[in-house]
Amino acid sequence: MTSAFLSALGGRIAERWLTLLALPGLLFLAALTTAGVLGHEHWSDLGRLRAWLDALASSPASRSTGTVVLVALGVLAGAAVTGAAAQSLGAGVELLWCAEPRGPLLRRLADRRLRRWRAADAAFRGALVTAGRARIEGAEEADRLVALAERRHAERGRIAAAPPRHPFGTGDRLAAPGQRLWRAHRLDLSAAWPHLWLLAADGTRAELHAARLRLSAAARLCAWGAGYLVLAFWWWPAGVAGGVAVVSGVRRGRAAAEAFGELTEALADLHLRDLAAALGVDCDGGVDRAVGERLSRALRKEPEAE
């Protein structure tokens, strides 16, 4: 049994290493080699690349088994190092997405998003009032005005569901469940989260874990895209791949953050009564603000208010 477990564990580690590090790293090394051989001047000259590969294959060193093995090991090691660097950069991208507006640059980005949201909110409210008046008056263009108000609402929602506080939308999407739970129940989600996690079923944890992994994968994709954008200084087609990767990573990151936030809030909504029961807090009348405040104080180990 132990041997089978170790074998399965080794297989999973190898598969994860191959998927996350080796294959993307090998692809990046191939692009790096192509950029070095072709450059901007011969960016599409496949014959030049083929000639370089033929010359490399016909060199005396390529006939030595030891040299081939060393080169292969070096390429794999380089791919792994490149993948590890991209993974670390992806973690930095993830931290940047969720960063608080500290420092002049991040504060300017947060203020800019807030101004855009307020302008979109004003446009939505104006369109909503106009559509409501048209409905009451029975105007012929009422349906068009209602559709316009819906578009304005969607435009505001693409910026943020509430007044933004973070430099990037991902941070607002991840912080939204805590803000809504505080407004509705006065529950400190950061203090309650470990306890709610322990109360969740295995299937619920798996869904949350999958959403969290998708967020990390999106950040890694942005990191790889940044690497290809750097290669564009030597071989411009790499910039196309890098731009597509960055845009796709940002879009995937927003979707993953939205899904993770919704799952987090759903878990809290479904297990608040269980949490109250586990902590000995009476909630027969439902989880209102009074119950939420008692839960928050209990989780923070604060004394009861007199």
Protein backbone atom coordinates (compact mmCIF):
# COMPACT_ATOMS: atom_id res chain seq x y z
CA MET A 1 0.00 0.00 0.00
CA THR A 2 2.80 2.42 0.91
CA SER A 3 4.62 1.65 -2.33
CA ALA A 4 1.47 2.27 -4.37
CA PHE A 5 0.84 5.55 -2.55
CA LEU A 6 4.40 6.78 -3.12
CA SER A 7 4.22 5.75 -6.76
CA ALA A 8 0.95 7.65 -7.26
CA LEU A 9 2.35 10.67 -5.42
CA GLY A 10 5.48 10.62 -7.56
CA GLY A 11 3.37 10.40 -10.70
CA ARG A 12 1.30 13.40 -9.66
CA ILE A 13 4.39 15.45 -8.82
CA ALA A 14 5.98 14.56 -12.16
CA GLU A 15 2.78 15.41 -14.02
CA ARG A 16 2.47 18.74 -12.21
CA TRP A 17 6.14 19.54 -12.87
CA LEU A 18 5.72 18.70 -16.56
CA THR A 19 2.53 20.75 -16.94
CA LEU A 20 3.44 23.84 -14.94
CA LEU A 21 7.19 24.13 -15.47
CA ALA A 22 8.78 21.93 -18.13
CA LEU A 23 6.47 22.29 -21.13
CA PRO A 24 5.91 26.08 -20.88
CA GLY A 25 9.61 26.50 -20.13
CA LEU A 26 10.64 24.44 -23.17
CA LEU A 27 8.31 26.48 -25.36
CA PHE A 28 9.80 29.71 -24.03
CA LEU A 29 13.35 28.45 -24.59
CA ALA A 30 12.40 27.54 -28.16
CA ALA A 31 11.05 31.05 -28.70
CA LEU A 32 14.20 32.51 -27.12
CA THR A 33 16.41 30.47 -29.45
CA THR A 34 14.34 31.49 -32.46
CA ALA A 35 14.59 35.14 -31.45
CA GLY A 36 18.37 34.86 -31.15
CA VAL A 37 18.79 33.14 -34.52
CA LEU A 38 16.33 35.17 -36.62
CA GLY A 39 15.91 38.57 -34.99
CA HIS A 40 13.79 41.31 -36.50
CA GLU A 41 15.52 41.33 -39.85
CA HIS A 42 14.86 37.64 -40.64
CA TRP A 43 11.79 37.18 -38.43
CA SER A 44 10.06 34.73 -40.82
CA ASP A 45 13.09 33.06 -42.41
CA LEU A 46 12.47 29.40 -41.57
CA GLY A 47 15.28 28.39 -43.92
CA ARG A 48 17.76 30.31 -41.79
CA LEU A 49 16.48 28.54 -38.68
CA ARG A 50 16.64 25.15 -40.39
CA ALA A 51 20.21 25.83 -41.54
CA TRP A 52 21.20 26.73 -37.99
CA LEU A 53 19.69 23.49 -36.69
CA ASP A 54 21.42 21.45 -39.42
CA ALA A 55 24.76 23.04 -38.55
CA LEU A 56 24.19 22.26 -34.90
CA ALA A 57 23.29 18.63 -35.70
CA SER A 58 26.34 18.14 -37.90
CA SER A 59 28.84 19.52 -35.39
CA PRO A 60 31.32 17.01 -33.88
CA ALA A 61 29.94 17.58 -30.37
CA SER A 62 26.52 16.27 -31.44
CA ARG A 63 28.04 12.82 -32.08
CA SER A 64 29.11 12.44 -28.46
CA THR A 65 26.52 10.68 -26.30
CA GLY A 66 27.75 12.40 -23.18
CA THR A 67 27.47 15.83 -24.77
CA VAL A 68 23.94 15.12 -25.99
CA VAL A 69 22.90 13.94 -22.54
CA LEU A 70 24.44 16.99 -20.89
CA VAL A 71 22.74 19.32 -23.36
CA ALA A 72 19.40 17.57 -22.83
CA LEU A 73 19.77 17.85 -19.06
CA GLY A 74 20.76 21.49 -19.41
CA VAL A 75 17.71 22.24 -21.55
CA LEU A 76 15.41 20.52 -19.06
CA ALA A 77 17.05 22.35 -16.18
CA GLY A 78 16.74 25.63 -18.04
CA ALA A 79 13.08 24.93 -18.76
CA ALA A 80 12.47 24.14 -15.08
CA VAL A 81 14.27 27.30 -13.93
CA THR A 82 12.35 29.39 -16.45
CA GLY A 83 9.08 27.82 -15.31
CA ALA A 84 9.93 28.42 -11.66
CA ALA A 85 10.74 32.05 -12.44
CA ALA A 86 7.41 32.43 -14.25
CA GLN A 87 5.63 30.84 -11.30
CA SER A 88 7.26 33.29 -8.89
CA LEU A 89 6.42 36.19 -11.18
CA GLY A 90 2.85 34.89 -11.37
CA ALA A 91 2.64 34.97 -7.59
CA GLY A 92 3.79 38.58 -7.75
CA VAL A 93 1.11 39.37 -10.34
CA GLU A 94 -1.48 37.79 -8.06
CA LEU A 95 -0.32 39.92 -5.13
CA LEU A 96 -0.44 43.02 -7.34
CA TRP A 97 -4.01 42.24 -8.42
CA CYS A 98 -5.10 42.10 -4.77
CA ALA A 99 -2.91 44.97 -3.52
CA GLU A 100 -4.23 47.74 -1.33
CA PRO A 101 -3.87 51.30 -2.69
CA ARG A 102 -0.58 52.05 -0.95
CA GLY A 103 1.96 54.24 -2.64
CA PRO A 104 1.35 57.06 -5.12
CA LEU A 105 1.01 54.86 -8.23
CA LEU A 106 -1.47 52.41 -6.73
CA ARG A 107 -3.47 55.25 -5.19
CA ARG A 108 -3.68 56.97 -8.57
CA LEU A 109 -4.90 53.76 -10.19
CA ALA A 110 -7.51 53.27 -7.44
CA ASP A 111 -8.67 56.90 -7.72
CA ARG A 112 -8.94 56.56 -11.49
CA ARG A 113 -11.12 53.45 -11.18
CA LEU A 114 -13.29 55.22 -8.62
CA ARG A 115 -13.77 58.21 -10.93
CA ARG A 116 -14.69 55.90 -13.82
CA TRP A 117 -17.15 54.02 -11.61
CA ARG A 118 -18.81 57.22 -10.39
CA ALA A 119 -19.18 58.47 -13.97
CA ALA A 120 -20.66 55.13 -15.03
CA ASP A 121 -22.95 55.14 -11.97
CA ALA A 122 -24.20 58.64 -12.78
CA ALA A 123 -24.85 57.60 -16.39
CA PHE A 124 -26.76 54.53 -15.21
CA ARG A 125 -28.89 56.44 -12.73
CA GLY A 126 -29.70 59.10 -15.30
CA ALA A 127 -30.66 56.47 -17.88
CA LEU A 128 -32.76 54.64 -15.26
CA VAL A 129 -34.71 57.77 -14.34
CA THR A 130 -35.29 58.61 -18.01
CA ALA A 131 -36.46 55.07 -18.75
CA GLY A 132 -38.79 55.10 -15.73
CA ARG A 133 -40.41 58.36 -16.81
CA ALA A 134 -40.83 57.04 -20.35
CA ARG A 135 -42.53 53.91 -19.00
CA ILE A 136 -44.91 55.94 -16.85
CA GLU A 137 -45.78 58.25 -19.72
CA GLY A 138 -46.16 55.34 -22.13
CA ALA A 139 -43.65 56.76 -24.59
CA GLU A 140 -42.89 54.78 -27.73
CA GLU A 141 -39.15 54.79 -27.03
CA ALA A 142 -39.55 53.36 -23.53
CA ASP A 143 -38.18 49.95 -24.51
CA ARG A 144 -35.12 51.53 -26.12
CA LEU A 145 -34.48 53.62 -23.01
CA VAL A 146 -34.84 50.56 -20.76
CA ALA A 147 -32.30 48.71 -22.92
CA LEU A 148 -29.99 51.73 -22.66
CA ALA A 149 -30.29 51.71 -18.87
CA GLU A 150 -29.42 47.99 -18.85
CA ARG A 151 -26.32 48.67 -20.94
CA ARG A 152 -25.27 51.46 -18.57
CA HIS A 153 -25.73 49.07 -15.64
CA ALA A 154 -23.55 46.46 -17.35
CA GLU A 155 -20.88 49.09 -18.06
CA ARG A 156 -20.80 50.05 -14.40
CA GLY A 157 -20.65 46.39 -13.38
CA ARG A 158 -17.63 45.78 -15.62
CA ILE A 159 -15.73 48.32 -13.53
CA ALA A 160 -16.97 47.10 -10.13
CA ALA A 161 -20.19 46.02 -8.44
CA ALA A 162 -19.69 48.66 -5.73
CA PRO A 163 -17.50 51.77 -5.42
CA PRO A 164 -13.99 50.39 -6.06
CA ARG A 165 -11.32 50.56 -3.40
CA HIS A 166 -8.46 48.65 -5.05
CA PRO A 167 -6.19 49.59 -7.96
CA PHE A 168 -7.37 46.55 -9.93
CA GLY A 169 -10.78 44.96 -10.35
CA THR A 170 -9.59 41.56 -9.13
CA GLY A 171 -8.94 42.98 -5.66
CA ASP A 172 -12.45 44.44 -5.48
CA ARG A 173 -13.99 41.16 -6.63
CA LEU A 174 -12.15 39.22 -3.92
CA ALA A 175 -12.93 41.79 -1.22
CA ALA A 176 -16.62 42.11 -2.15
CA PRO A 177 -17.87 39.07 -0.14
CA GLY A 178 -16.30 40.38 3.06
CA GLN A 179 -17.75 43.83 2.52
CA ARG A 180 -21.25 42.50 1.79
CA LEU A 181 -21.20 40.15 4.78
CA TRP A 182 -20.09 43.00 7.04
CA ARG A 183 -22.85 45.29 5.79
CA ALA A 184 -25.54 42.60 6.05
CA HIS A 185 -24.51 40.75 9.23
CA ARG A 186 -21.59 42.67 10.78
CA LEU A 187 -19.54 39.50 10.29
CA ASP A 188 -15.75 39.72 10.04
CA LEU A 189 -15.12 37.25 7.21
CA SER A 190 -11.35 37.22 7.69
CA ALA A 191 -11.82 36.00 11.25
CA ALA A 192 -14.63 33.60 10.36
CA TRP A 193 -13.08 32.06 7.25
CA PRO A 194 -10.90 29.32 8.88
CA HIS A 195 -13.88 28.13 10.90
CA LEU A 196 -16.23 28.21 7.91
CA TRP A 197 -13.67 26.23 5.91
CA LEU A 198 -13.61 23.50 8.54
CA LEU A 199 -17.41 23.33 8.48
CA ALA A 200 -17.59 23.01 4.68
CA ALA A 201 -18.09 19.68 2.94
CA ASP A 202 -15.30 18.14 0.87
CA GLY A 203 -17.09 18.92 -2.39
CA THR A 204 -17.41 22.59 -1.44
CA ARG A 205 -13.74 22.78 -0.54
CA ALA A 206 -12.83 21.19 -3.88
CA GLU A 207 -14.85 23.81 -5.77
CA LEU A 208 -13.19 26.65 -3.86
CA HIS A 209 -9.75 25.11 -4.35
CA ALA A 210 -10.36 24.75 -8.09
CA ALA A 211 -11.43 28.41 -8.35
CA ARG A 212 -8.32 29.45 -6.42
CA LEU A 213 -6.10 27.41 -8.74
CA ARG A 214 -7.72 29.05 -11.77
CA LEU A 215 -6.83 32.46 -10.33
CA SER A 216 -3.20 31.40 -9.86
CA ALA A 217 -3.10 29.91 -13.36
CA ALA A 218 -4.37 33.19 -14.83
CA ALA A 219 -1.64 35.11 -12.99
CA ARG A 220 1.00 32.67 -14.32
CA LEU A 221 -0.34 33.17 -17.84
CA CYS A 222 0.18 36.92 -17.43
CA ALA A 223 3.72 36.23 -16.23
CA TRP A 224 4.48 34.10 -19.30
CA GLY A 225 2.97 36.81 -21.46
CA ALA A 226 5.30 39.37 -19.90
CA GLY A 227 8.26 37.14 -20.74
CA TYR A 228 7.22 36.93 -24.39
CA LEU A 229 6.72 40.69 -24.49
CA VAL A 230 10.35 41.07 -23.41
CA LEU A 231 11.40 38.72 -26.24
CA ALA A 232 9.63 41.06 -28.66
CA PHE A 233 12.61 43.43 -28.39
CA TRP A 234 14.61 40.85 -30.39
CA TRP A 235 11.87 39.05 -32.35
CA TRP A 236 8.61 40.95 -32.76
CA PRO A 237 6.26 37.92 -33.33
CA ALA A 238 6.87 36.99 -29.67
CA GLY A 239 5.13 40.23 -28.74
CA VAL A 240 1.94 39.06 -30.42
CA ALA A 241 1.94 35.86 -28.37
CA GLY A 242 2.79 37.83 -25.24
CA GLY A 243 -0.01 40.33 -25.76
CA VAL A 244 -2.56 37.60 -26.33
CA ALA A 245 -1.35 35.76 -23.20
CA VAL A 246 -1.55 38.88 -21.02
CA VAL A 247 -5.03 39.84 -22.21
CA SER A 248 -6.26 36.27 -21.80
CA GLY A 249 -4.68 36.03 -18.35
CA VAL A 250 -6.34 39.24 -17.19
CA ARG A 251 -9.74 38.08 -18.45
CA ARG A 252 -9.34 34.66 -16.87
CA GLY A 253 -8.18 36.26 -13.63
CA ARG A 254 -11.30 38.43 -13.44
CA ALA A 255 -13.56 35.44 -14.07
CA ALA A 256 -11.71 33.29 -11.52
CA ALA A 257 -11.82 36.05 -8.89
CA GLU A 258 -15.55 36.51 -9.52
CA ALA A 259 -16.18 32.78 -9.16
CA PHE A 260 -14.03 32.50 -6.03
CA GLY A 261 -15.77 35.49 -4.44
CA GLU A 262 -19.23 34.11 -5.19
CA LEU A 263 -18.31 30.68 -3.81
CA THR A 264 -16.83 32.26 -0.69
CA GLU A 265 -19.98 34.27 -0.02
CA ALA A 266 -22.19 31.26 -0.72
CA LEU A 267 -20.20 29.16 1.75
CA ALA A 268 -20.62 31.84 4.41
CA ASP A 269 -24.35 32.19 3.74
CA LEU A 270 -24.92 28.44 3.96
CA HIS A 271 -22.88 27.84 7.12
CA LEU A 272 -23.40 30.92 9.27
CA ARG A 273 -26.01 29.15 11.39
CA ASP A 274 -23.71 26.13 11.73
CA LEU A 275 -20.90 28.45 12.82
CA ALA A 276 -23.15 30.12 15.38
CA ALA A 277 -24.22 26.74 16.73
CA ALA A 278 -20.61 25.56 16.94
CA LEU A 279 -19.62 28.67 18.90
CA GLY A 280 -22.68 28.58 21.15
CA VAL A 281 -24.25 31.75 19.79
CA ASP A 282 -28.05 31.72 19.75
CA CYS A 283 -29.51 32.45 16.30
CA ASP A 284 -33.05 31.07 16.49
CA GLY A 285 -34.40 34.23 14.87
CA GLY A 286 -31.92 34.07 11.99
CA VAL A 287 -28.47 35.57 11.50
CA ASP A 288 -29.00 39.31 11.93
CA ARG A 289 -26.52 42.04 12.75
CA ALA A 290 -26.64 41.35 16.47
CA VAL A 291 -25.75 37.69 15.89
CA GLY A 292 -23.05 38.67 13.41
CA GLU A 293 -21.47 41.06 15.90
CA ARG A 294 -21.46 38.38 18.59
CA LEU A 295 -19.86 35.93 16.16
CA SER A 296 -17.20 38.47 15.18
CA ARG A 297 -16.37 39.21 18.81
CA ALA A 298 -16.21 35.51 19.64
CA LEU A 299 -13.94 34.79 16.68
CA ARG A 300 -11.65 37.68 17.56
CA LYS A 301 -11.58 36.53 21.20
CA GLU A 302 -12.99 39.89 22.29
CA PRO A 303 -15.05 40.23 25.48
CA GLU A 304 -18.82 40.63 25.22
CA ALA A 305 -20.04 44.24 25.20
CA GLU A 306 -21.70 45.22 28.43
